[in-house]
Protein backbone atom coordinates (compact mmCIF):
# COMPACT_ATOMS: atom_id res chain seq x y z
CA UNK A 1 -2.97 -12.35 -88.40
CA UNK A 2 -2.68 -8.87 -89.40
CA UNK A 3 0.15 -8.58 -87.09
CA UNK A 4 1.96 -10.80 -88.18
CA UNK A 5 1.68 -9.76 -91.80
CA UNK A 6 2.58 -6.21 -90.48
CA UNK A 7 5.08 -7.62 -88.29
CA UNK A 8 7.34 -9.20 -91.62
CA UNK A 9 7.27 -5.97 -94.27
CA UNK A 10 7.79 -3.80 -91.58
CA UNK A 11 11.29 -6.86 -91.19
CA UNK A 12 11.86 -6.51 -95.04
CA UNK A 13 10.87 -2.85 -95.81
CA UNK A 14 11.60 -1.28 -92.50
CA UNK A 15 9.18 0.86 -90.05
CA UNK A 16 9.43 4.08 -92.37
CA UNK A 17 7.86 1.65 -95.65
CA UNK A 18 4.58 1.47 -93.62
CA UNK A 19 1.69 3.22 -93.36
CA UNK A 20 -1.64 2.07 -90.95
CA UNK A 21 -4.66 1.95 -92.57
CA UNK A 22 -7.17 4.66 -91.60
CA UNK A 23 -9.36 2.36 -88.84
CA UNK A 24 -5.77 1.64 -87.01
CA UNK A 25 -4.53 4.53 -87.14
CA UNK A 26 -7.67 5.59 -85.38
CA UNK A 27 -7.54 2.57 -82.71
CA UNK A 28 -3.66 3.11 -81.88
CA UNK A 29 -5.28 7.66 -81.38
CA UNK A 30 -7.84 6.20 -78.83
CA UNK A 31 -4.92 3.90 -77.04
CA UNK A 32 -3.29 6.72 -76.58
CA UNK A 33 -5.92 9.32 -75.07
CA UNK A 34 -6.80 6.41 -72.88
CA UNK A 35 -3.05 6.23 -71.65
CA UNK A 36 -2.95 9.79 -71.56
CA UNK A 37 -6.14 10.28 -69.30
CA UNK A 38 -5.97 6.76 -66.96
CA UNK A 39 -4.86 9.51 -64.10
CA UNK A 40 -2.58 6.73 -61.88
CA UNK A 41 -0.82 8.20 -59.36
CA UNK A 42 2.00 5.79 -60.04
CA UNK A 43 5.39 6.32 -62.15
CA UNK A 44 4.20 4.38 -64.95
CA UNK A 45 5.61 3.44 -68.55
CA UNK A 46 2.45 4.23 -70.47
CA UNK A 47 2.62 3.31 -73.97
CA UNK A 48 1.04 1.17 -76.48
CA UNK A 49 4.14 -1.33 -76.49
CA UNK A 50 3.84 -2.34 -72.88
CA UNK A 51 -0.31 -2.02 -72.97
CA UNK A 52 0.05 -5.16 -75.83
CA UNK A 53 2.36 -6.86 -73.83
CA UNK A 54 -0.02 -6.80 -70.15
CA UNK A 55 -2.43 -7.49 -72.52
CA UNK A 56 -1.11 -10.85 -73.76
CA UNK A 57 -0.03 -11.66 -70.87
CA UNK A 58 -3.04 -11.69 -69.73
CA UNK A 59 -5.23 -13.11 -72.09
CA UNK A 60 -2.63 -16.42 -71.89
CA UNK A 61 -3.26 -16.05 -68.10
CA UNK A 62 -6.92 -16.36 -68.98
CA UNK A 63 -6.35 -19.93 -71.37
CA UNK A 64 -4.38 -21.59 -68.96
CA UNK A 65 -5.85 -21.08 -65.91
CA UNK A 66 -8.03 -23.10 -64.07
CA UNK A 67 -11.69 -22.88 -63.13
CA UNK A 68 -13.19 -22.96 -59.82
CA UNK A 69 -15.53 -25.55 -60.89
CA UNK A 70 -12.20 -27.60 -62.74
CA UNK A 71 -10.68 -27.49 -59.31
CA UNK A 72 -13.39 -28.42 -57.45
CA UNK A 73 -13.87 -31.86 -59.46
CA UNK A 74 -9.91 -32.84 -59.12
CA UNK A 75 -10.63 -32.12 -55.38
CA UNK A 76 -13.12 -34.22 -54.48
CA UNK A 77 -12.10 -36.90 -56.85
CA UNK A 78 -9.11 -36.72 -54.67
CA UNK A 79 -10.43 -37.17 -51.80
CA UNK A 80 -13.06 -39.41 -52.14
CA UNK A 81 -9.64 -42.35 -52.49
CA UNK A 82 -9.02 -41.08 -49.47
CA UNK A 83 -10.24 -42.80 -45.92
CA UNK A 84 -12.92 -41.28 -44.03
CA UNK A 85 -14.53 -39.68 -47.22
CA UNK A 86 -18.90 -40.95 -47.47
CA UNK A 87 -21.26 -40.64 -48.84
CA UNK A 88 -23.09 -37.67 -46.39
CA UNK A 89 -19.48 -35.93 -46.99
CA UNK A 90 -20.06 -36.16 -50.89
CA UNK A 91 -23.52 -35.38 -50.46
CA UNK A 92 -22.90 -31.66 -48.39
CA UNK A 93 -20.37 -31.24 -51.05
CA UNK A 94 -23.19 -30.86 -53.57
CA UNK A 95 -25.47 -29.04 -51.11
CA UNK A 96 -23.15 -26.18 -50.62
CA UNK A 97 -21.16 -26.31 -54.46
CA UNK A 98 -24.35 -26.59 -55.89
CA UNK A 99 -26.89 -25.45 -53.61
CA UNK A 100 -29.20 -27.05 -51.50
CA UNK A 101 -32.37 -30.10 -52.60
CA UNK A 102 -35.90 -28.12 -50.75
CA UNK A 103 -36.49 -31.44 -49.42
CA UNK A 104 -34.72 -35.42 -49.10
CA UNK A 105 -37.71 -36.13 -51.73
CA UNK A 106 -36.58 -33.23 -54.52
CA UNK A 107 -35.10 -33.62 -57.85
CA UNK A 108 -32.34 -32.12 -58.91
CA UNK A 109 -33.76 -29.78 -61.15
CA UNK A 110 -35.12 -28.18 -58.04
CA UNK A 111 -31.08 -27.35 -56.53
CA UNK A 112 -32.01 -23.86 -54.92
CA UNK A 113 -28.54 -22.87 -57.29
CA UNK A 114 -28.39 -19.39 -56.78
CA UNK A 115 -27.43 -21.15 -52.86
CA UNK A 116 -24.46 -22.75 -54.76
CA UNK A 117 -20.63 -21.25 -54.76
CA UNK A 118 -20.87 -22.82 -58.14
CA UNK A 119 -23.38 -20.42 -59.10
CA UNK A 120 -21.71 -17.28 -58.70
CA UNK A 121 -18.14 -18.35 -59.21
CA UNK A 122 -17.87 -22.01 -60.97
CA UNK A 123 -16.45 -20.05 -63.61
CA UNK A 124 -14.23 -17.76 -62.34
CA UNK A 125 -9.99 -18.45 -62.50
CA UNK A 126 -9.57 -19.66 -59.12
CA UNK A 127 -6.77 -17.72 -59.21
CA UNK A 128 -9.21 -14.26 -59.31
CA UNK A 129 -11.57 -15.09 -56.16
CA UNK A 130 -10.59 -13.31 -53.29
CA UNK A 131 -10.85 -13.15 -49.48
CA UNK A 132 -14.14 -10.95 -49.58
CA UNK A 133 -16.10 -12.53 -52.02
CA UNK A 134 -15.63 -16.16 -50.23
CA UNK A 135 -16.92 -14.18 -47.08
CA UNK A 136 -19.64 -12.29 -48.35
CA UNK A 137 -20.82 -15.49 -50.51
CA UNK A 138 -20.71 -17.32 -46.33
CA UNK A 139 -22.27 -14.23 -45.30
CA UNK A 140 -25.50 -14.05 -47.71
CA UNK A 141 -26.06 -17.99 -47.44
CA UNK A 142 -24.83 -19.25 -44.52
CA UNK A 143 -25.08 -17.45 -42.18
CA UNK A 144 -28.07 -18.34 -40.12
CA UNK A 145 -26.12 -20.48 -37.60
CA UNK A 146 -22.62 -20.92 -37.01
CA UNK A 147 -23.22 -24.88 -37.72
CA UNK A 148 -24.06 -23.37 -41.45
CA UNK A 149 -21.28 -21.15 -42.02
CA UNK A 150 -18.90 -23.61 -40.15
CA UNK A 151 -20.06 -26.52 -42.34
CA UNK A 152 -19.98 -24.37 -45.73
CA UNK A 153 -16.53 -22.98 -45.35
CA UNK A 154 -15.20 -26.20 -44.60
CA UNK A 155 -16.24 -27.87 -47.62
CA UNK A 156 -15.20 -24.55 -49.84
CA UNK A 157 -11.50 -24.15 -47.88
CA UNK A 158 -10.16 -27.75 -49.26
CA UNK A 159 -10.56 -26.62 -52.82
CA UNK A 160 -8.36 -23.40 -52.20
CA UNK A 161 -5.74 -25.95 -50.72
CA UNK A 162 -5.75 -28.14 -52.82
CA UNK A 163 -5.12 -25.47 -55.56
CA UNK A 164 -2.40 -24.05 -53.69
CA UNK A 165 -0.81 -27.42 -52.61
CA UNK A 166 -0.19 -27.68 -56.12
CA UNK A 167 1.09 -24.08 -57.41
CA UNK A 168 -1.82 -23.11 -58.94
CA UNK A 169 -2.69 -20.41 -56.52
CA UNK A 170 -0.09 -17.94 -55.32
CA UNK A 171 -2.73 -17.27 -52.14
CA UNK A 172 -5.07 -19.15 -50.70
CA UNK A 173 -7.78 -16.51 -50.19
CA UNK A 174 -9.68 -18.64 -47.85
CA UNK A 175 -7.36 -18.42 -45.34
CA UNK A 176 -8.11 -15.44 -43.12
CA UNK A 177 -11.28 -17.22 -42.96
CA UNK A 178 -12.16 -18.41 -39.27
CA UNK A 179 -14.50 -21.35 -38.15
CA UNK A 180 -16.93 -19.45 -35.93
CA UNK A 181 -17.56 -20.69 -32.40
CA UNK A 182 -20.32 -23.27 -32.03
CA UNK A 183 -19.09 -25.02 -28.98
CA UNK A 184 -22.11 -26.12 -27.42
CA UNK A 185 -22.65 -28.73 -25.10
CA UNK A 186 -24.14 -31.97 -26.21
CA UNK A 187 -27.22 -32.66 -24.15
CA UNK A 188 -27.48 -34.94 -21.93
CA UNK A 189 -31.31 -37.26 -20.46
CA UNK A 190 -32.05 -37.03 -16.66
CA UNK A 191 -33.02 -40.32 -15.77
CA UNK A 192 -37.09 -39.58 -15.58
CA UNK A 193 -37.01 -39.40 -19.16
CA UNK A 194 -35.09 -42.57 -19.54
CA UNK A 195 -37.91 -43.94 -17.74
CA UNK A 196 -39.95 -42.93 -20.63
CA UNK A 197 -37.80 -44.57 -23.24
CA UNK A 198 -37.70 -47.54 -20.80
CA UNK A 199 -41.12 -47.74 -20.93
CA UNK A 200 -41.83 -47.57 -24.61
CA UNK A 201 -39.62 -49.43 -25.87
CA UNK A 202 -41.34 -52.91 -23.52
CA UNK A 203 -44.62 -52.08 -25.57
CA UNK A 204 -45.96 -53.46 -28.43
CA UNK A 205 -44.90 -50.88 -30.80
CA UNK A 206 -41.55 -51.03 -30.33
CA UNK A 207 -40.22 -53.94 -27.97
CA UNK A 208 -38.15 -54.69 -31.96
CA UNK A 209 -35.92 -51.98 -30.98
CA UNK A 210 -35.18 -52.89 -28.07
CA UNK A 211 -31.85 -54.38 -28.41
CA UNK A 212 -30.52 -51.34 -30.37
CA UNK A 213 -32.20 -48.80 -28.56
CA UNK A 214 -30.61 -50.48 -25.66
CA UNK A 215 -27.25 -50.38 -27.59
CA UNK A 216 -27.16 -46.86 -28.49
CA UNK A 217 -28.47 -45.94 -24.63
CA UNK A 218 -25.94 -48.42 -22.65
CA UNK A 219 -22.90 -48.93 -25.28
CA UNK A 220 -22.60 -45.47 -26.76
CA UNK A 221 -22.36 -46.62 -30.02
CA UNK A 222 -23.64 -44.07 -32.98
CA UNK A 223 -27.38 -44.48 -34.53
CA UNK A 224 -24.85 -45.30 -38.35
CA UNK A 225 -22.79 -48.30 -36.45
CA UNK A 226 -26.23 -49.38 -35.22
CA UNK A 227 -28.13 -49.38 -38.36
CA UNK A 228 -26.18 -48.91 -40.78
CA UNK A 229 -26.68 -46.08 -43.61
CA UNK A 230 -25.88 -45.75 -47.78
CA UNK A 231 -21.82 -46.97 -46.67
CA UNK A 232 -21.83 -49.33 -44.59
CA UNK A 233 -24.33 -52.70 -43.24
CA UNK A 234 -25.85 -52.53 -40.28
CA UNK A 235 -24.56 -54.45 -36.76
CA UNK A 236 -25.57 -57.95 -36.69
CA UNK A 237 -26.32 -60.48 -33.43
CA UNK A 238 -22.66 -62.31 -34.25
CA UNK A 239 -20.33 -58.81 -32.94
CA UNK A 240 -22.44 -59.65 -29.56
CA UNK A 241 -20.03 -61.35 -27.57
CA UNK A 242 -21.59 -61.78 -24.15
CA UNK A 243 -19.97 -65.50 -23.56
CA UNK A 244 -16.33 -64.57 -24.88
CA UNK A 245 -13.61 -66.16 -24.67
CA UNK A 246 -9.99 -65.85 -24.87
CA UNK A 247 -8.37 -62.79 -23.93
CA UNK A 248 -11.24 -60.95 -23.78
CA UNK A 249 -12.56 -62.21 -20.39
CA UNK A 250 -16.03 -59.27 -20.02
CA UNK A 251 -18.74 -59.92 -23.04
CA UNK A 252 -18.24 -57.10 -25.64
CA UNK A 253 -19.49 -55.83 -28.94
CA UNK A 254 -17.12 -55.47 -31.78
CA UNK A 255 -17.67 -52.01 -33.67
CA UNK A 256 -15.24 -53.38 -36.98
CA UNK A 257 -14.29 -50.60 -39.29
CA UNK A 258 -15.89 -50.79 -41.78
CA UNK A 259 -19.00 -49.76 -39.45
CA UNK A 260 -15.93 -47.35 -37.01
CA UNK A 261 -16.80 -43.75 -37.81
CA UNK A 262 -12.97 -43.76 -37.69
CA UNK A 263 -12.18 -47.03 -39.90
CA UNK A 264 -10.59 -48.45 -37.05
CA UNK A 265 -12.54 -50.61 -35.01
CA UNK A 266 -12.85 -50.58 -31.39
CA UNK A 267 -14.31 -53.52 -28.53
CA UNK A 268 -17.23 -51.96 -26.73
CA UNK A 269 -17.90 -54.02 -23.39
CA UNK A 270 -20.61 -54.51 -22.06
CA UNK A 271 -22.11 -52.79 -18.61
CA UNK A 272 -23.97 -55.72 -16.79
CA UNK A 273 -27.41 -54.05 -17.73
CA UNK A 274 -26.98 -53.90 -20.88
CA UNK A 275 -26.69 -57.59 -21.52
CA UNK A 276 -30.06 -57.84 -19.21
CA UNK A 277 -32.26 -55.90 -21.49
CA UNK A 278 -30.50 -58.74 -24.95
CA UNK A 279 -30.85 -61.72 -22.93
CA UNK A 280 -34.45 -60.63 -23.57
CA UNK A 281 -33.77 -62.40 -26.78
CA UNK A 282 -34.19 -65.43 -27.43
CA UNK A 283 -31.16 -67.73 -28.00
CA UNK A 284 -32.49 -68.43 -31.71
CA UNK A 285 -34.00 -65.16 -33.00
CA UNK A 286 -29.80 -63.33 -31.93
CA UNK A 287 -29.05 -63.65 -35.66
CA UNK A 288 -28.80 -61.63 -38.70
CA UNK A 289 -28.89 -57.26 -38.24
CA UNK A 290 -29.89 -55.98 -34.80
CA UNK A 291 -32.17 -53.21 -35.81
CA UNK A 292 -31.69 -54.30 -39.57
CA UNK A 293 -35.64 -53.40 -40.46
CA UNK A 294 -36.06 -51.88 -43.09
CA UNK A 295 -38.42 -49.58 -40.58
CA UNK A 296 -35.68 -49.57 -38.23
CA UNK A 297 -35.22 -45.83 -38.23
CA UNK A 298 -38.08 -44.66 -39.00
CA UNK A 299 -39.40 -45.94 -35.68
CA UNK A 300 -36.38 -45.25 -34.44
CA UNK A 301 -36.94 -41.20 -35.34
CA UNK A 302 -40.65 -41.78 -34.17
CA UNK A 303 -39.75 -43.16 -31.38
CA UNK A 304 -37.54 -40.29 -30.38
CA UNK A 305 -40.79 -37.41 -31.20
CA UNK A 306 -42.76 -39.93 -28.71
CA UNK A 307 -40.16 -39.55 -25.64
CA UNK A 308 -39.63 -35.63 -26.47
CA UNK A 309 -36.40 -35.64 -28.24
CA UNK A 310 -37.62 -35.17 -31.48
CA UNK A 311 -33.99 -33.91 -33.96
CA UNK A 312 -32.25 -35.37 -30.66
CA UNK A 313 -30.32 -37.75 -33.38
CA UNK A 314 -27.20 -38.42 -31.45
CA UNK A 315 -29.15 -38.11 -27.44
CA UNK A 316 -28.53 -41.65 -26.30
CA UNK A 317 -24.60 -41.44 -26.93
CA UNK A 318 -23.98 -38.31 -25.75
CA UNK A 319 -25.17 -39.44 -22.50
CA UNK A 320 -23.50 -42.23 -22.01
CA UNK A 321 -20.72 -40.54 -22.09
CA UNK A 322 -21.05 -38.11 -19.48
CA UNK A 323 -23.07 -41.23 -17.79
CA UNK A 324 -19.84 -43.58 -18.20
CA UNK A 325 -17.06 -40.44 -17.04
CA UNK A 326 -18.77 -40.37 -14.56
CA UNK A 327 -20.06 -44.12 -13.31
CA UNK A 328 -15.69 -44.15 -13.59
CA UNK A 329 -13.98 -40.88 -13.41
CA UNK A 330 -11.94 -42.42 -16.12
CA UNK A 331 -11.10 -40.34 -19.30
CA UNK A 332 -9.30 -42.51 -21.28
CA UNK A 333 -11.55 -45.42 -20.47
CA UNK A 334 -14.48 -43.92 -21.47
CA UNK A 335 -13.24 -42.34 -25.05
CA UNK A 336 -11.54 -45.70 -25.80
CA UNK A 337 -15.03 -47.22 -25.23
CA UNK A 338 -17.03 -44.43 -27.77
CA UNK A 339 -14.16 -44.11 -30.60
CA UNK A 340 -12.98 -40.70 -30.02
CA UNK A 341 -9.73 -39.32 -29.88
CA UNK A 342 -9.72 -36.03 -28.97
CA UNK A 343 -9.02 -35.20 -25.33
CA UNK A 344 -10.09 -31.33 -25.72
CA UNK A 345 -13.29 -32.55 -27.22
CA UNK A 346 -14.25 -34.76 -24.68
CA UNK A 347 -13.13 -33.00 -21.91
CA UNK A 348 -15.48 -29.95 -23.31
CA UNK A 349 -18.71 -32.63 -24.00
CA UNK A 350 -18.24 -34.58 -20.59
CA UNK A 351 -15.36 -33.87 -18.73
CA UNK A 352 -16.81 -30.97 -16.53
CA UNK A 353 -20.64 -32.17 -16.70
CA UNK A 354 -21.94 -32.82 -13.05
CA UNK A 355 -25.08 -34.83 -14.08
CA UNK A 356 -28.06 -34.74 -11.30
CA UNK A 357 -26.78 -35.93 -8.08
CA UNK A 358 -26.86 -40.43 -7.70
CA UNK A 359 -27.88 -40.26 -12.21
CA UNK A 360 -24.89 -41.90 -13.07
CA UNK A 361 -25.73 -44.35 -10.37
CA UNK A 362 -29.46 -44.78 -12.03
CA UNK A 363 -28.15 -44.77 -15.32
CA UNK A 364 -27.02 -48.12 -14.63
CA UNK A 365 -29.59 -50.45 -13.07
CA UNK A 366 -31.99 -48.63 -16.29
CA UNK A 367 -33.31 -52.52 -17.52
CA UNK A 368 -36.52 -54.66 -18.92
CA UNK A 369 -39.45 -55.62 -16.53
CA UNK A 370 -38.54 -58.27 -14.20
CA UNK A 371 -34.59 -58.40 -14.62
CA UNK A 372 -32.41 -57.38 -11.44
CA UNK A 373 -28.87 -57.04 -11.36
CA UNK A 374 -29.19 -58.91 -7.08
CA UNK A 375 -27.14 -57.18 -4.77
CA UNK A 376 -23.58 -56.98 -5.87
CA UNK A 377 -23.09 -55.82 -9.57
CA UNK A 378 -19.71 -56.56 -11.38
CA UNK A 379 -19.58 -53.46 -13.87
CA UNK A 380 -16.93 -54.17 -16.76
CA UNK A 381 -13.37 -52.72 -14.93
């Protein structure tokens, strides 16, 4: 307010008629001393006028700049409207940004906020955040493994990209930060491991899981495609076509777009041994969900633990991919069965792996008790 009054006075009466108050003169002298003692190496305009101009530009920027948290919320809202954004993506983003929960049943106020990106940079103008700050955060809180590091980086990067694409920042500080090498060949079960699983799913405790486990083992579906999750329903029996009509001659599983991870849908041809497992369920009981019991996922976890497969959530799918490829030596065919789209990823995981001797032949002959395939078996072709 005083600055405007002073300018009006100078405009009317001239600069020579204006006298500064004692406090104003002292401020001016202190500012000039600061400029004189700056010890800068370059050739700069070290005047009060230049200093004030620069400071005002800074204040204007601060008033119009977007905070990281604001951009984060806008970018998440944008991604929610895109194909493929799921509840799992949402939960992962919240864990990285706000800090993880110590356990699955923890309440929101128990979040470990000091591991959250927003704790450090939420109120910071997004164009003030530098590469080394992001790198230090990742190193301090998510460097325990390559997968944790990559998970955090994949959550943070899109926010800066969103800002850069809209001209809110001139340089993306995460551009030079790269994912860590996390190539790890999926584990593949041996036949003796499968024999143990086959034995378990024919006991009273796990018999209700038998059709679903057989689908995971011999059709390669993802557990979420079979059992569902917060975003999708579980697989119903009516999606299992044992006696097809029309163009499809071979029995198949219809993985609808709403069940498929890529939201595209696919038809998975059934192998003869899988059909034998499904036929153990009486016709009149093949209704509703194949594995939709409330305790299905709990039993599945317990089964894996009892079979010595604790923590191996996708072990049946990985094994299917390997054994199917080595049965048919047709990468495109196996990729289609599994819903894979990236040949490089497929090659890294399945193409070069050589299973034990004739394991891939024995695998397709794992049957329920009393069932036989006969001497000549016509596999899906």
